[in-house]
């Protein structure tokens, strides 16, 4: 997360029982560490690129939308 702005805080709500400050701090520490570990393991698989895809060239350039169709208007 270097160079990124921190995310907005998330509200944690205790549904059952009463948690003291130490228990909440432990919960936040465990969840934070789990998130960091999951984020480090989450990588997208690299797409396989065949030799054909690497060596081919484009058929045409992108269309120019600023020119009228067929250049006949004008």
N, C-alpha and C. Protein backbone atom coordinates (compact mmCIF):
# COMPACT_ATOMS: atom_id res chain seq x y z
N UNK A 1 0.82 -1.19 0.00
CA UNK A 1 0.00 0.00 0.00
C UNK A 1 0.86 1.25 0.00
N UNK A 2 2.03 1.18 -0.51
CA UNK A 2 2.90 2.33 -0.52
C UNK A 2 2.39 3.36 -1.52
N UNK A 3 2.31 4.61 -1.08
CA UNK A 3 1.90 5.68 -1.97
C UNK A 3 0.39 5.82 -2.13
N UNK A 4 -0.38 4.93 -1.52
CA UNK A 4 -1.82 5.01 -1.64
C UNK A 4 -2.39 5.72 -0.42
N UNK A 5 -3.53 6.35 -0.62
CA UNK A 5 -4.20 6.97 0.51
C UNK A 5 -4.88 5.89 1.33
N UNK A 6 -4.92 6.05 2.65
CA UNK A 6 -5.58 5.04 3.47
C UNK A 6 -7.08 5.01 3.19
N UNK A 7 -7.65 3.82 3.31
CA UNK A 7 -9.08 3.68 3.08
C UNK A 7 -9.86 4.31 4.23
N UNK A 8 -11.10 4.61 3.96
CA UNK A 8 -11.93 5.18 5.01
C UNK A 8 -12.17 4.14 6.08
N UNK A 9 -12.30 4.57 7.35
CA UNK A 9 -12.50 3.61 8.42
C UNK A 9 -13.85 2.89 8.29
N UNK A 10 -13.85 1.64 8.72
CA UNK A 10 -15.05 0.82 8.68
C UNK A 10 -15.56 0.67 10.10
N UNK A 11 -16.85 0.78 10.27
CA UNK A 11 -17.44 0.67 11.60
C UNK A 11 -17.60 -0.81 11.94
N UNK A 12 -17.08 -1.21 13.11
CA UNK A 12 -17.25 -2.57 13.60
C UNK A 12 -18.31 -2.53 14.68
N UNK A 13 -19.29 -3.41 14.55
CA UNK A 13 -20.39 -3.43 15.50
C UNK A 13 -20.39 -4.78 16.22
N UNK A 14 -20.35 -4.73 17.56
CA UNK A 14 -20.42 -5.95 18.35
C UNK A 14 -21.89 -6.34 18.46
N UNK A 15 -22.23 -7.52 17.94
CA UNK A 15 -23.62 -7.96 17.89
C UNK A 15 -24.03 -8.66 19.18
N UNK A 16 -23.12 -9.42 19.75
CA UNK A 16 -23.46 -10.20 20.93
C UNK A 16 -22.37 -10.05 21.97
N UNK A 17 -22.73 -9.88 23.20
CA UNK A 17 -21.76 -9.75 24.28
C UNK A 17 -21.20 -8.34 24.36
N UNK A 18 -20.24 -8.18 25.25
CA UNK A 18 -19.59 -6.88 25.40
C UNK A 18 -18.09 -7.08 25.24
N UNK A 19 -17.52 -6.35 24.35
CA UNK A 19 -16.08 -6.45 24.10
C UNK A 19 -15.40 -5.24 24.70
N UNK A 20 -14.30 -5.49 25.40
CA UNK A 20 -13.54 -4.35 25.94
C UNK A 20 -12.55 -3.85 24.90
N UNK A 21 -11.82 -2.84 25.23
CA UNK A 21 -10.90 -2.20 24.26
C UNK A 21 -9.79 -3.15 23.81
N UNK A 22 -9.28 -3.98 24.73
CA UNK A 22 -8.20 -4.90 24.37
C UNK A 22 -8.69 -5.96 23.37
N UNK A 23 -9.91 -6.46 23.58
CA UNK A 23 -10.45 -7.45 22.66
C UNK A 23 -10.70 -6.86 21.28
N UNK A 24 -11.20 -5.64 21.24
CA UNK A 24 -11.42 -4.98 19.95
C UNK A 24 -10.09 -4.70 19.25
N UNK A 25 -9.08 -4.31 20.01
CA UNK A 25 -7.76 -4.06 19.42
C UNK A 25 -7.18 -5.35 18.85
N UNK A 26 -7.37 -6.47 19.57
CA UNK A 26 -6.88 -7.76 19.08
C UNK A 26 -7.62 -8.15 17.81
N UNK A 27 -8.93 -7.93 17.76
CA UNK A 27 -9.72 -8.24 16.58
C UNK A 27 -9.24 -7.43 15.37
N UNK A 28 -9.02 -6.16 15.58
CA UNK A 28 -8.57 -5.29 14.49
C UNK A 28 -7.18 -5.71 14.01
N UNK A 29 -6.31 -6.09 14.94
CA UNK A 29 -4.96 -6.52 14.55
C UNK A 29 -5.02 -7.80 13.72
N UNK A 30 -5.85 -8.76 14.14
CA UNK A 30 -5.96 -10.02 13.41
C UNK A 30 -6.56 -9.80 12.03
N UNK A 31 -7.62 -8.99 11.94
CA UNK A 31 -8.24 -8.73 10.65
C UNK A 31 -7.30 -7.97 9.72
N UNK A 32 -6.55 -7.03 10.26
CA UNK A 32 -5.60 -6.27 9.44
C UNK A 32 -4.51 -7.18 8.88
N UNK A 33 -3.98 -8.06 9.74
CA UNK A 33 -2.93 -8.97 9.30
C UNK A 33 -3.47 -9.95 8.26
N UNK A 34 -4.70 -10.42 8.44
CA UNK A 34 -5.30 -11.34 7.47
C UNK A 34 -5.50 -10.64 6.13
N UNK A 35 -5.90 -9.37 6.17
CA UNK A 35 -6.10 -8.62 4.93
C UNK A 35 -4.77 -8.43 4.21
N UNK A 36 -3.73 -8.09 4.94
CA UNK A 36 -2.42 -7.88 4.32
C UNK A 36 -1.91 -9.19 3.70
N UNK A 37 -2.10 -10.31 4.40
CA UNK A 37 -1.65 -11.60 3.86
C UNK A 37 -2.45 -11.98 2.62
N UNK A 38 -3.75 -11.74 2.64
CA UNK A 38 -4.57 -12.07 1.47
C UNK A 38 -4.23 -11.18 0.29
N UNK A 39 -3.96 -9.92 0.56
CA UNK A 39 -3.61 -8.99 -0.51
C UNK A 39 -2.27 -9.38 -1.15
N UNK A 40 -1.33 -9.85 -0.33
CA UNK A 40 -0.03 -10.24 -0.87
C UNK A 40 -0.13 -11.50 -1.72
N UNK A 41 -1.06 -12.40 -1.36
CA UNK A 41 -1.22 -13.65 -2.11
C UNK A 41 -2.08 -13.48 -3.36
N UNK A 42 -2.84 -12.42 -3.44
CA UNK A 42 -3.77 -12.23 -4.56
C UNK A 42 -3.04 -11.62 -5.75
N UNK A 43 -2.69 -12.46 -6.69
CA UNK A 43 -2.07 -12.01 -7.92
C UNK A 43 -2.85 -12.59 -9.09
N UNK A 44 -3.01 -11.83 -10.11
CA UNK A 44 -3.71 -12.30 -11.30
C UNK A 44 -2.77 -13.17 -12.12
N UNK A 45 -3.32 -14.23 -12.65
CA UNK A 45 -2.53 -15.11 -13.49
C UNK A 45 -2.17 -14.38 -14.79
N UNK A 46 -0.94 -14.57 -15.23
CA UNK A 46 -0.52 -13.93 -16.46
C UNK A 46 -1.19 -14.59 -17.66
N UNK A 47 -1.65 -13.78 -18.57
CA UNK A 47 -2.30 -14.29 -19.76
C UNK A 47 -1.26 -14.90 -20.69
N UNK A 48 -1.54 -16.09 -21.19
CA UNK A 48 -0.64 -16.74 -22.12
C UNK A 48 -0.73 -16.04 -23.48
N UNK A 49 0.40 -15.60 -23.98
CA UNK A 49 0.46 -14.94 -25.28
C UNK A 49 1.21 -15.85 -26.24
N UNK A 50 0.51 -16.22 -27.31
CA UNK A 50 1.13 -17.12 -28.28
C UNK A 50 2.13 -16.36 -29.15
N UNK A 51 2.93 -17.11 -29.88
CA UNK A 51 3.91 -16.51 -30.79
C UNK A 51 3.19 -15.70 -31.87
N UNK A 52 2.04 -16.19 -32.31
CA UNK A 52 1.27 -15.47 -33.32
C UNK A 52 0.83 -14.10 -32.80
N UNK A 53 0.33 -14.07 -31.60
CA UNK A 53 -0.13 -12.79 -31.03
C UNK A 53 1.03 -11.83 -30.82
N UNK A 54 2.20 -12.34 -30.49
CA UNK A 54 3.34 -11.46 -30.28
C UNK A 54 3.88 -10.89 -31.58
N UNK A 55 3.80 -11.66 -32.68
CA UNK A 55 4.43 -11.23 -33.92
C UNK A 55 3.46 -10.54 -34.88
N UNK A 56 2.17 -10.62 -34.66
CA UNK A 56 1.24 -10.02 -35.62
C UNK A 56 1.24 -8.50 -35.48
N UNK A 57 0.79 -7.84 -36.51
CA UNK A 57 0.67 -6.39 -36.46
C UNK A 57 -0.79 -6.03 -36.68
N UNK A 58 -1.17 -4.85 -36.28
CA UNK A 58 -2.54 -4.43 -36.43
C UNK A 58 -2.94 -4.26 -37.88
N UNK A 59 -4.20 -4.49 -38.19
CA UNK A 59 -4.65 -4.36 -39.56
C UNK A 59 -4.82 -2.91 -39.97
N UNK A 60 -5.24 -2.08 -39.05
CA UNK A 60 -5.41 -0.66 -39.37
C UNK A 60 -5.28 0.14 -38.08
N UNK A 61 -5.09 1.42 -38.23
CA UNK A 61 -5.02 2.29 -37.08
C UNK A 61 -6.41 2.60 -36.54
N UNK A 62 -6.48 3.26 -35.43
CA UNK A 62 -7.79 3.59 -34.87
C UNK A 62 -8.53 4.61 -35.74
N UNK A 63 -9.85 4.59 -35.66
CA UNK A 63 -10.65 5.52 -36.44
C UNK A 63 -10.50 6.93 -35.90
N UNK A 64 -10.51 7.89 -36.81
CA UNK A 64 -10.48 9.29 -36.40
C UNK A 64 -11.90 9.81 -36.41
N UNK A 65 -12.44 10.05 -35.26
CA UNK A 65 -13.83 10.49 -35.13
C UNK A 65 -14.00 11.98 -35.45
N UNK A 66 -12.92 12.72 -35.53
CA UNK A 66 -13.04 14.15 -35.80
C UNK A 66 -13.28 14.44 -37.28
N UNK A 67 -12.99 13.48 -38.17
CA UNK A 67 -13.21 13.68 -39.60
C UNK A 67 -14.60 13.19 -39.98
N UNK A 68 -15.32 13.92 -40.82
CA UNK A 68 -16.64 13.44 -41.24
C UNK A 68 -16.51 12.19 -42.11
N UNK A 69 -17.61 11.44 -42.26
CA UNK A 69 -17.59 10.20 -42.99
C UNK A 69 -17.22 10.45 -44.45
N UNK A 70 -16.25 9.75 -44.93
CA UNK A 70 -15.86 9.82 -46.33
C UNK A 70 -15.28 11.16 -46.75
N UNK A 71 -15.17 12.08 -45.86
CA UNK A 71 -14.65 13.43 -46.14
C UNK A 71 -15.45 14.12 -47.25
N UNK A 72 -16.74 13.75 -47.41
CA UNK A 72 -17.56 14.35 -48.45
C UNK A 72 -18.35 15.56 -47.96
N UNK A 73 -18.46 15.73 -46.67
CA UNK A 73 -19.23 16.87 -46.19
C UNK A 73 -18.31 18.10 -46.15
N UNK A 74 -18.78 19.15 -46.69
CA UNK A 74 -17.93 20.29 -46.56
C UNK A 74 -17.95 21.21 -47.66
